[in-house]
């Protein structure tokens, strides 16, 4: 079982605009069944974590809840629930929640969906193993940072998926 931060980024290191838009990403030419795509990645995931902003974006922009594994949403706010989904709201530390996620995931992996600060908290606790980034050929100039803290990584793999350059890194611990 490994803990992954799998996300997309602009070339200048942002995962969303200042108003939380992903239009810059959704307009890209990308093969959802191609190399290093979310479609194949999700097959190996047994539990997910996300911050409140990511959760709210998914509820507002997706065609329903597409995850069939337990999801932990890190928040201090009251958020709407999703009928039939295994969503667990928490304000506990990532260390405490990671143990619960690992138990739920079994032999499958944990996916930190977003945002960058949450992934950074897992990294700070020594719990983040890999970072997968799909780089889009755009710059945003400002927005939500990919990882708002120093983190050393080793490049494991790169591929091209149509317009995006995809990279997989191992976190140096």
N, C-alpha and C. Protein backbone atom coordinates (compact mmCIF):
# COMPACT_ATOMS: atom_id res chain seq x y z
N UNK A 1 0.85 -1.17 0.00
CA UNK A 1 0.00 0.00 0.00
C UNK A 1 0.89 1.24 0.00
N UNK A 2 0.62 2.12 -0.94
CA UNK A 2 1.34 3.39 -0.97
C UNK A 2 0.34 4.54 -0.97
N UNK A 3 0.82 5.68 -0.55
CA UNK A 3 -0.01 6.89 -0.52
C UNK A 3 0.47 7.81 -1.62
N UNK A 4 -0.46 8.13 -2.54
CA UNK A 4 -0.15 8.93 -3.72
C UNK A 4 -0.86 10.28 -3.69
N UNK A 5 -0.19 11.29 -4.18
CA UNK A 5 -0.84 12.56 -4.52
C UNK A 5 -0.86 12.59 -6.04
N UNK A 6 -2.03 12.38 -6.63
CA UNK A 6 -2.20 12.33 -8.07
C UNK A 6 -3.01 13.56 -8.46
N UNK A 7 -2.42 14.43 -9.29
CA UNK A 7 -3.08 15.70 -9.62
C UNK A 7 -2.58 16.22 -10.96
N UNK A 8 -3.17 17.30 -11.39
CA UNK A 8 -2.71 18.02 -12.58
C UNK A 8 -2.21 19.39 -12.15
N UNK A 9 -1.33 19.95 -12.97
CA UNK A 9 -0.75 21.24 -12.63
C UNK A 9 -0.49 22.05 -13.89
N UNK A 10 -0.57 23.36 -13.74
CA UNK A 10 -0.09 24.25 -14.80
C UNK A 10 1.43 24.20 -14.77
N UNK A 11 2.06 24.69 -15.82
CA UNK A 11 3.53 24.67 -15.86
C UNK A 11 4.15 25.52 -14.76
N UNK A 12 3.41 26.53 -14.28
CA UNK A 12 3.95 27.36 -13.21
C UNK A 12 3.51 26.91 -11.82
N UNK A 13 3.00 25.69 -11.72
CA UNK A 13 2.81 25.07 -10.41
C UNK A 13 1.51 25.33 -9.69
N UNK A 14 0.42 25.53 -10.42
CA UNK A 14 -0.88 25.73 -9.77
C UNK A 14 -1.85 24.63 -10.19
N UNK A 15 -2.69 24.20 -9.23
CA UNK A 15 -3.66 23.15 -9.51
C UNK A 15 -5.05 23.70 -9.77
N UNK A 16 -5.27 24.97 -9.50
CA UNK A 16 -6.55 25.64 -9.77
C UNK A 16 -6.30 27.14 -9.80
N UNK A 17 -7.20 27.85 -10.44
CA UNK A 17 -7.11 29.32 -10.45
C UNK A 17 -7.49 29.87 -9.08
N UNK A 18 -7.36 31.17 -8.91
CA UNK A 18 -7.72 31.79 -7.63
C UNK A 18 -9.20 31.62 -7.30
N UNK A 19 -10.05 31.46 -8.32
CA UNK A 19 -11.48 31.24 -8.08
C UNK A 19 -11.85 29.75 -8.20
N UNK A 20 -10.86 28.86 -8.06
CA UNK A 20 -11.02 27.40 -8.02
C UNK A 20 -11.46 26.79 -9.35
N UNK A 21 -11.24 27.48 -10.44
CA UNK A 21 -11.62 26.95 -11.75
C UNK A 21 -10.57 25.96 -12.26
N UNK A 22 -11.06 24.95 -12.97
CA UNK A 22 -10.20 23.98 -13.65
C UNK A 22 -10.43 24.02 -15.16
N UNK A 23 -11.03 25.10 -15.66
CA UNK A 23 -11.29 25.22 -17.09
C UNK A 23 -10.00 25.09 -17.90
N UNK A 24 -8.90 25.57 -17.37
CA UNK A 24 -7.60 25.49 -18.03
C UNK A 24 -7.18 24.03 -18.24
N UNK A 25 -7.67 23.14 -17.37
CA UNK A 25 -7.33 21.73 -17.45
C UNK A 25 -8.34 20.95 -18.28
N UNK A 26 -9.62 21.20 -18.04
CA UNK A 26 -10.66 20.43 -18.72
C UNK A 26 -10.70 20.70 -20.22
N UNK A 27 -10.07 21.77 -20.66
CA UNK A 27 -10.03 22.09 -22.09
C UNK A 27 -8.84 21.42 -22.80
N UNK A 28 -8.00 20.70 -22.07
CA UNK A 28 -6.82 20.07 -22.65
C UNK A 28 -7.17 18.78 -23.40
N UNK A 29 -6.39 18.47 -24.42
CA UNK A 29 -6.51 17.21 -25.14
C UNK A 29 -5.82 16.14 -24.30
N UNK A 30 -6.61 15.19 -23.79
CA UNK A 30 -6.12 14.19 -22.86
C UNK A 30 -6.85 12.88 -23.11
N UNK A 31 -6.13 11.78 -23.11
CA UNK A 31 -6.72 10.46 -23.30
C UNK A 31 -6.97 9.83 -21.93
N UNK A 32 -8.23 9.73 -21.53
CA UNK A 32 -8.59 9.21 -20.21
C UNK A 32 -8.24 7.74 -20.05
N UNK A 33 -7.98 7.06 -21.15
CA UNK A 33 -7.55 5.67 -21.08
C UNK A 33 -6.08 5.52 -21.46
N UNK A 34 -5.40 6.62 -21.64
CA UNK A 34 -4.00 6.62 -22.05
C UNK A 34 -3.04 6.44 -20.89
N UNK A 35 -1.75 6.64 -21.16
CA UNK A 35 -0.73 6.43 -20.14
C UNK A 35 -0.87 7.41 -18.97
N UNK A 36 -0.68 6.87 -17.78
CA UNK A 36 -0.74 7.63 -16.52
C UNK A 36 -2.05 8.41 -16.38
N UNK A 37 -3.13 7.82 -16.84
CA UNK A 37 -4.43 8.49 -16.74
C UNK A 37 -5.10 8.17 -15.41
N UNK A 38 -6.02 9.02 -14.98
CA UNK A 38 -6.76 8.72 -13.75
C UNK A 38 -7.56 7.42 -13.84
N UNK A 39 -8.02 7.07 -15.02
CA UNK A 39 -8.84 5.87 -15.19
C UNK A 39 -8.11 4.63 -14.69
N UNK A 40 -6.89 4.42 -15.15
CA UNK A 40 -6.14 3.24 -14.71
C UNK A 40 -5.62 3.41 -13.29
N UNK A 41 -5.28 4.63 -12.90
CA UNK A 41 -4.77 4.89 -11.55
C UNK A 41 -5.81 4.51 -10.49
N UNK A 42 -7.07 4.92 -10.71
CA UNK A 42 -8.13 4.72 -9.73
C UNK A 42 -8.39 3.24 -9.45
N UNK A 43 -8.11 2.37 -10.42
CA UNK A 43 -8.34 0.94 -10.22
C UNK A 43 -7.56 0.39 -9.03
N UNK A 44 -6.42 0.98 -8.70
CA UNK A 44 -5.60 0.52 -7.60
C UNK A 44 -5.82 1.25 -6.29
N UNK A 45 -6.86 2.09 -6.23
CA UNK A 45 -7.11 2.92 -5.05
C UNK A 45 -8.18 2.29 -4.16
N UNK A 46 -7.89 2.23 -2.86
CA UNK A 46 -8.84 1.68 -1.89
C UNK A 46 -9.39 2.69 -0.92
N UNK A 47 -8.83 3.90 -0.88
CA UNK A 47 -9.31 4.98 -0.01
C UNK A 47 -8.79 6.30 -0.55
N UNK A 48 -9.58 7.37 -0.34
CA UNK A 48 -9.16 8.69 -0.82
C UNK A 48 -9.30 9.73 0.28
N UNK A 49 -8.52 10.80 0.12
CA UNK A 49 -8.59 11.94 1.02
C UNK A 49 -8.63 13.20 0.18
N UNK A 50 -9.35 14.19 0.67
CA UNK A 50 -9.41 15.47 -0.01
C UNK A 50 -9.75 16.56 1.00
N UNK A 51 -9.43 17.78 0.62
CA UNK A 51 -9.81 18.93 1.42
C UNK A 51 -11.22 19.37 1.08
N UNK A 52 -11.73 20.29 1.87
CA UNK A 52 -13.10 20.78 1.69
C UNK A 52 -13.30 21.47 0.35
N UNK A 53 -12.32 22.24 -0.10
CA UNK A 53 -12.46 22.95 -1.38
C UNK A 53 -12.56 21.96 -2.54
N UNK A 54 -11.74 20.92 -2.52
CA UNK A 54 -11.81 19.89 -3.56
C UNK A 54 -13.16 19.19 -3.52
N UNK A 55 -13.62 18.85 -2.33
CA UNK A 55 -14.92 18.19 -2.19
C UNK A 55 -16.04 19.07 -2.75
N UNK A 56 -16.03 20.33 -2.40
CA UNK A 56 -17.07 21.24 -2.90
C UNK A 56 -16.99 21.39 -4.42
N UNK A 57 -15.77 21.42 -4.97
CA UNK A 57 -15.63 21.53 -6.42
C UNK A 57 -16.22 20.29 -7.09
N UNK A 58 -15.94 19.11 -6.55
CA UNK A 58 -16.47 17.88 -7.12
C UNK A 58 -18.00 17.89 -7.10
N UNK A 59 -18.57 18.29 -5.99
CA UNK A 59 -20.04 18.33 -5.89
C UNK A 59 -20.64 19.32 -6.88
N UNK A 60 -19.97 20.42 -7.12
CA UNK A 60 -20.50 21.46 -8.00
C UNK A 60 -20.25 21.18 -9.49
N UNK A 61 -19.23 20.39 -9.82
CA UNK A 61 -18.81 20.27 -11.21
C UNK A 61 -18.88 18.87 -11.81
N UNK A 62 -18.94 17.84 -11.01
CA UNK A 62 -19.00 16.48 -11.55
C UNK A 62 -20.45 16.05 -11.74
N UNK A 63 -20.64 15.03 -12.52
CA UNK A 63 -21.98 14.47 -12.75
C UNK A 63 -22.30 13.43 -11.69
N UNK A 64 -22.21 13.83 -10.45
CA UNK A 64 -22.45 12.89 -9.35
C UNK A 64 -21.15 12.41 -8.75
N UNK A 65 -21.25 11.70 -7.68
CA UNK A 65 -20.09 11.18 -6.96
C UNK A 65 -19.59 9.94 -7.68
N UNK A 66 -18.35 9.97 -8.16
CA UNK A 66 -17.85 8.87 -8.98
C UNK A 66 -16.93 7.91 -8.22
N UNK A 67 -16.77 8.11 -6.91
CA UNK A 67 -15.85 7.26 -6.14
C UNK A 67 -16.63 6.15 -5.45
N UNK A 68 -16.09 4.94 -5.53
CA UNK A 68 -16.76 3.80 -4.89
C UNK A 68 -15.92 3.25 -3.74
N UNK A 69 -15.03 4.07 -3.19
CA UNK A 69 -14.21 3.70 -2.04
C UNK A 69 -14.44 4.74 -0.94
N UNK A 70 -14.09 4.42 0.30
CA UNK A 70 -14.27 5.40 1.37
C UNK A 70 -13.46 6.67 1.10
N UNK A 71 -14.08 7.81 1.40
CA UNK A 71 -13.44 9.11 1.18
C UNK A 71 -13.44 9.89 2.49
N UNK A 72 -12.27 10.40 2.86
CA UNK A 72 -12.15 11.27 4.02
C UNK A 72 -12.01 12.70 3.52
N UNK A 73 -12.85 13.57 4.05
CA UNK A 73 -12.81 14.99 3.68
C UNK A 73 -12.34 15.76 4.92
N UNK A 74 -11.19 16.40 4.79
CA UNK A 74 -10.62 17.17 5.89
C UNK A 74 -11.25 18.56 5.89
N UNK A 75 -11.95 18.87 6.97
CA UNK A 75 -12.67 20.13 7.04
C UNK A 75 -12.99 20.51 8.48
N UNK A 76 -13.23 21.78 8.69
CA UNK A 76 -13.73 22.28 9.98
C UNK A 76 -15.13 22.85 9.79
N UNK A 77 -15.69 22.65 8.61
CA UNK A 77 -17.01 23.21 8.29
C UNK A 77 -18.04 22.09 8.14
N UNK A 78 -19.31 22.47 8.21
CA UNK A 78 -20.39 21.54 7.89
C UNK A 78 -20.57 21.55 6.38
N UNK A 79 -20.49 20.38 5.76
CA UNK A 79 -20.61 20.26 4.31
C UNK A 79 -21.75 19.30 3.97
N UNK A 80 -22.32 19.45 2.79
CA UNK A 80 -23.41 18.55 2.40
C UNK A 80 -22.89 17.13 2.19
N UNK A 81 -23.75 16.17 2.40
CA UNK A 81 -23.39 14.77 2.19
C UNK A 81 -23.85 14.33 0.80
N UNK A 82 -23.36 13.18 0.39
CA UNK A 82 -23.73 12.60 -0.89
C UNK A 82 -24.46 11.30 -0.60
N UNK A 83 -25.70 11.19 -1.05
CA UNK A 83 -26.48 9.98 -0.81
C UNK A 83 -25.76 8.75 -1.37
N UNK A 84 -25.65 7.73 -0.52
CA UNK A 84 -25.07 6.47 -0.96
C UNK A 84 -23.55 6.43 -1.00
N UNK A 85 -22.89 7.55 -0.71
CA UNK A 85 -21.42 7.59 -0.75
C UNK A 85 -20.85 7.40 0.65
N UNK A 86 -19.70 6.77 0.71
CA UNK A 86 -19.00 6.58 1.98
C UNK A 86 -18.04 7.76 2.17
N UNK A 87 -18.59 8.89 2.62
CA UNK A 87 -17.81 10.11 2.84
C UNK A 87 -17.74 10.35 4.34
N UNK A 88 -16.52 10.54 4.82
CA UNK A 88 -16.27 10.73 6.25
C UNK A 88 -15.61 12.08 6.45
N UNK A 89 -16.29 12.97 7.14
CA UNK A 89 -15.76 14.30 7.41
C UNK A 89 -14.91 14.24 8.67
N UNK A 90 -13.75 14.90 8.63
CA UNK A 90 -12.84 14.84 9.76
C UNK A 90 -12.07 16.14 9.92
N UNK A 91 -11.73 16.43 11.16
CA UNK A 91 -10.80 17.52 11.45
C UNK A 91 -9.61 16.97 12.24
N UNK A 92 -9.48 15.65 12.25
CA UNK A 92 -8.37 14.98 12.94
C UNK A 92 -7.07 15.18 12.16
N UNK A 93 -5.96 14.81 12.77
CA UNK A 93 -4.66 14.93 12.11
C UNK A 93 -4.55 13.92 10.98
N UNK A 94 -3.72 14.24 9.99
CA UNK A 94 -3.52 13.31 8.88
C UNK A 94 -2.93 12.00 9.37
N UNK A 95 -2.14 12.04 10.43
CA UNK A 95 -1.55 10.82 10.97
C UNK A 95 -2.63 9.88 11.48
N UNK A 96 -3.58 10.41 12.25
CA UNK A 96 -4.66 9.58 12.77
C UNK A 96 -5.53 9.04 11.65
N UNK A 97 -5.86 9.88 10.70
CA UNK A 97 -6.75 9.49 9.61
C UNK A 97 -6.05 8.52 8.66
N UNK A 98 -4.76 8.69 8.43
CA UNK A 98 -4.02 7.80 7.54
C UNK A 98 -4.13 6.35 8.01
N UNK A 99 -4.06 6.13 9.30
CA UNK A 99 -4.18 4.77 9.83
C UNK A 99 -5.55 4.18 9.49
N UNK A 100 -6.60 4.98 9.61
CA UNK A 100 -7.95 4.52 9.26
C UNK A 100 -8.05 4.25 7.76
N UNK A 101 -7.44 5.13 6.96
CA UNK A 101 -7.47 4.97 5.51
C UNK A 101 -6.73 3.71 5.09
N UNK A 102 -5.58 3.46 5.70
CA UNK A 102 -4.80 2.28 5.37
C UNK A 102 -5.58 1.01 5.68
N UNK A 103 -6.28 1.01 6.80
CA UNK A 103 -7.10 -0.15 7.15
C UNK A 103 -8.22 -0.36 6.13
N UNK A 104 -8.87 0.72 5.74
CA UNK A 104 -9.97 0.63 4.76
C UNK A 104 -9.45 0.22 3.37
N UNK A 105 -8.26 0.70 2.99
CA UNK A 105 -7.71 0.43 1.66
C UNK A 105 -7.22 -1.01 1.53
N UNK A 106 -6.85 -1.63 2.64
CA UNK A 106 -6.32 -2.99 2.58
C UNK A 106 -5.02 -3.01 1.79
N UNK A 107 -4.96 -3.81 0.74
CA UNK A 107 -3.75 -3.89 -0.07
C UNK A 107 -3.72 -2.87 -1.20
N UNK A 108 -4.81 -2.12 -1.34
CA UNK A 108 -4.86 -1.09 -2.38
C UNK A 108 -4.21 0.19 -1.86
N UNK A 109 -4.12 1.20 -2.72
CA UNK A 109 -3.42 2.43 -2.40
C UNK A 109 -4.36 3.51 -1.86
N UNK A 110 -3.73 4.53 -1.28
CA UNK A 110 -4.44 5.72 -0.81
C UNK A 110 -4.15 6.84 -1.78
N UNK A 111 -5.18 7.57 -2.14
CA UNK A 111 -5.05 8.70 -3.08
C UNK A 111 -5.40 9.99 -2.36
N UNK A 112 -4.44 10.91 -2.32
CA UNK A 112 -4.69 12.27 -1.86
C UNK A 112 -5.15 13.02 -3.10
N UNK A 113 -6.44 13.30 -3.20
CA UNK A 113 -7.01 13.92 -4.40
C UNK A 113 -6.61 15.39 -4.47
N UNK A 114 -6.65 16.10 -3.40
CA UNK A 114 -6.30 17.52 -3.36
C UNK A 114 -6.80 18.12 -2.07
N UNK A 115 -6.32 19.25 -1.78
CA UNK A 115 -5.39 20.11 -2.47
C UNK A 115 -3.95 19.92 -2.05
N UNK A 116 -3.16 20.87 -2.55
CA UNK A 116 -1.74 20.82 -2.33
C UNK A 116 -1.32 20.91 -0.87
N UNK A 117 -2.03 21.73 -0.10
CA UNK A 117 -1.68 21.84 1.32
C UNK A 117 -1.96 20.53 2.05
N UNK A 118 -3.07 19.87 1.72
CA UNK A 118 -3.38 18.59 2.36
C UNK A 118 -2.31 17.55 2.00
N UNK A 119 -1.92 17.49 0.74
CA UNK A 119 -0.84 16.57 0.34
C UNK A 119 0.44 16.91 1.10
N UNK A 120 0.69 18.20 1.28
CA UNK A 120 1.85 18.63 2.04
C UNK A 120 1.80 18.19 3.49
N UNK A 121 0.61 18.19 4.08
CA UNK A 121 0.49 17.72 5.46
C UNK A 121 0.84 16.24 5.57
N UNK A 122 0.40 15.45 4.60
CA UNK A 122 0.78 14.04 4.58
C UNK A 122 2.29 13.89 4.41
N UNK A 123 2.88 14.72 3.54
CA UNK A 123 4.34 14.68 3.36
C UNK A 123 5.06 15.08 4.63
N UNK A 124 4.59 16.13 5.29
CA UNK A 124 5.21 16.57 6.55
C UNK A 124 5.22 15.47 7.59
N UNK A 125 4.17 14.63 7.59
CA UNK A 125 4.06 13.53 8.55
C UNK A 125 4.81 12.28 8.09
N UNK A 126 5.48 12.35 6.93
CA UNK A 126 6.21 11.20 6.41
C UNK A 126 5.31 10.13 5.82
N UNK A 127 4.09 10.50 5.43
CA UNK A 127 3.11 9.53 4.96
C UNK A 127 2.86 9.56 3.47
N UNK A 128 3.48 10.47 2.75
CA UNK A 128 3.29 10.56 1.30
C UNK A 128 4.43 9.83 0.61
N UNK A 129 4.08 8.88 -0.26
CA UNK A 129 5.08 8.04 -0.92
C UNK A 129 5.40 8.49 -2.34
N UNK A 130 4.35 8.83 -3.12
CA UNK A 130 4.56 9.20 -4.52
C UNK A 130 3.71 10.41 -4.88
N UNK A 131 4.21 11.16 -5.86
CA UNK A 131 3.50 12.30 -6.41
C UNK A 131 3.42 12.08 -7.91
N UNK A 132 2.19 12.06 -8.46
CA UNK A 132 1.94 11.91 -9.90
C UNK A 132 1.37 13.23 -10.38
N UNK A 133 2.02 13.85 -11.36
CA UNK A 133 1.57 15.16 -11.85
C UNK A 133 1.38 15.11 -13.36
N UNK A 134 0.22 15.57 -13.82
CA UNK A 134 -0.08 15.73 -15.24
C UNK A 134 0.09 17.23 -15.53
N UNK A 135 1.17 17.60 -16.20
CA UNK A 135 1.46 19.00 -16.49
C UNK A 135 0.76 19.44 -17.77
N UNK A 136 -0.07 20.48 -17.65
CA UNK A 136 -0.77 21.04 -18.81
C UNK A 136 0.05 22.20 -19.39
N UNK A 137 0.02 22.38 -20.69
CA UNK A 137 0.81 23.42 -21.34
C UNK A 137 0.17 24.81 -21.21
N UNK A 138 -0.02 25.23 -19.97
CA UNK A 138 -0.56 26.57 -19.67
C UNK A 138 0.14 27.11 -18.43
N UNK A 139 0.11 28.42 -18.28
CA UNK A 139 0.53 29.05 -17.04
C UNK A 139 -0.66 29.84 -16.51
N UNK A 140 -0.79 29.90 -15.20
CA UNK A 140 -1.91 30.59 -14.57
C UNK A 140 -1.50 31.88 -13.89
N UNK A 141 -0.25 31.99 -13.50
CA UNK A 141 0.23 33.19 -12.85
C UNK A 141 -0.08 33.28 -11.38
N UNK A 142 -1.14 32.61 -10.95
CA UNK A 142 -1.56 32.65 -9.55
C UNK A 142 -2.61 31.56 -9.36
N UNK A 143 -2.87 31.20 -8.12
CA UNK A 143 -3.89 30.20 -7.85
C UNK A 143 -3.53 29.32 -6.68
N UNK A 144 -4.11 28.13 -6.65
CA UNK A 144 -3.83 27.15 -5.60
C UNK A 144 -2.55 26.41 -5.95
N UNK A 145 -1.54 26.50 -5.09
CA UNK A 145 -0.25 25.88 -5.42
C UNK A 145 -0.28 24.36 -5.40
N UNK A 146 0.53 23.78 -6.24
CA UNK A 146 0.69 22.33 -6.34
C UNK A 146 1.09 21.73 -5.00
N UNK A 147 2.14 22.22 -4.41
CA UNK A 147 2.63 21.79 -3.10
C UNK A 147 3.28 23.00 -2.43
N UNK A 148 2.59 23.63 -1.49
CA UNK A 148 3.11 24.87 -0.91
C UNK A 148 4.13 24.68 0.20
N UNK A 149 5.12 23.82 -0.04
CA UNK A 149 6.20 23.60 0.92
C UNK A 149 7.33 22.87 0.22
N UNK A 150 8.53 22.92 0.79
CA UNK A 150 9.64 22.18 0.18
C UNK A 150 9.43 20.67 0.30
N UNK A 151 9.79 19.97 -0.77
CA UNK A 151 9.67 18.51 -0.78
C UNK A 151 10.66 17.97 -1.79
N UNK A 152 11.51 17.06 -1.37
CA UNK A 152 12.47 16.43 -2.27
C UNK A 152 11.87 15.17 -2.85
N UNK A 153 12.05 15.01 -4.17
CA UNK A 153 11.51 13.84 -4.86
C UNK A 153 12.51 13.32 -5.87
N UNK A 154 12.34 12.05 -6.22
CA UNK A 154 13.14 11.42 -7.26
C UNK A 154 12.21 11.05 -8.41
N UNK A 155 12.58 11.45 -9.63
CA UNK A 155 11.78 11.14 -10.81
C UNK A 155 11.85 9.66 -11.11
N UNK A 156 10.67 9.02 -11.22
CA UNK A 156 10.59 7.59 -11.53
C UNK A 156 10.18 7.32 -12.97
N UNK A 157 9.31 8.19 -13.53
CA UNK A 157 8.74 7.89 -14.84
C UNK A 157 8.16 9.15 -15.46
N UNK A 158 8.27 9.26 -16.77
CA UNK A 158 7.58 10.32 -17.52
C UNK A 158 6.97 9.71 -18.77
N UNK A 159 5.81 10.23 -19.16
CA UNK A 159 5.16 9.85 -20.40
C UNK A 159 4.41 11.06 -20.94
N UNK A 160 4.06 10.99 -22.21
CA UNK A 160 3.22 12.02 -22.80
C UNK A 160 1.84 11.42 -23.00
N UNK A 161 0.83 12.15 -22.56
CA UNK A 161 -0.55 11.76 -22.82
C UNK A 161 -1.17 12.94 -23.58
N UNK A 162 -1.10 12.82 -24.90
CA UNK A 162 -1.55 13.87 -25.82
C UNK A 162 -0.93 15.22 -25.45
N UNK A 163 -1.71 16.19 -24.95
CA UNK A 163 -1.17 17.52 -24.67
C UNK A 163 -0.44 17.62 -23.34
N UNK A 164 -0.56 16.61 -22.49
CA UNK A 164 0.02 16.69 -21.15
C UNK A 164 1.29 15.86 -21.02
N UNK A 165 2.22 16.37 -20.23
CA UNK A 165 3.41 15.63 -19.84
C UNK A 165 3.14 15.10 -18.44
N UNK A 166 3.23 13.79 -18.28
CA UNK A 166 2.90 13.15 -17.02
C UNK A 166 4.18 12.64 -16.36
N UNK A 167 4.29 12.90 -15.06
CA UNK A 167 5.49 12.51 -14.34
C UNK A 167 5.10 11.85 -13.03
N UNK A 168 5.86 10.82 -12.66
CA UNK A 168 5.67 10.13 -11.39
C UNK A 168 6.95 10.24 -10.59
N UNK A 169 6.82 10.71 -9.36
CA UNK A 169 7.96 10.93 -8.47
C UNK A 169 7.81 10.13 -7.19
N UNK A 170 8.95 9.71 -6.64
CA UNK A 170 8.96 9.11 -5.31
C UNK A 170 9.41 10.19 -4.33
N UNK A 171 8.72 10.29 -3.21
CA UNK A 171 9.09 11.26 -2.18
C UNK A 171 10.32 10.74 -1.47
N UNK A 172 11.34 11.58 -1.36
CA UNK A 172 12.57 11.23 -0.65
C UNK A 172 12.32 11.48 0.84
N UNK A 173 12.46 10.42 1.63
CA UNK A 173 12.17 10.54 3.07
C UNK A 173 13.45 10.54 3.88
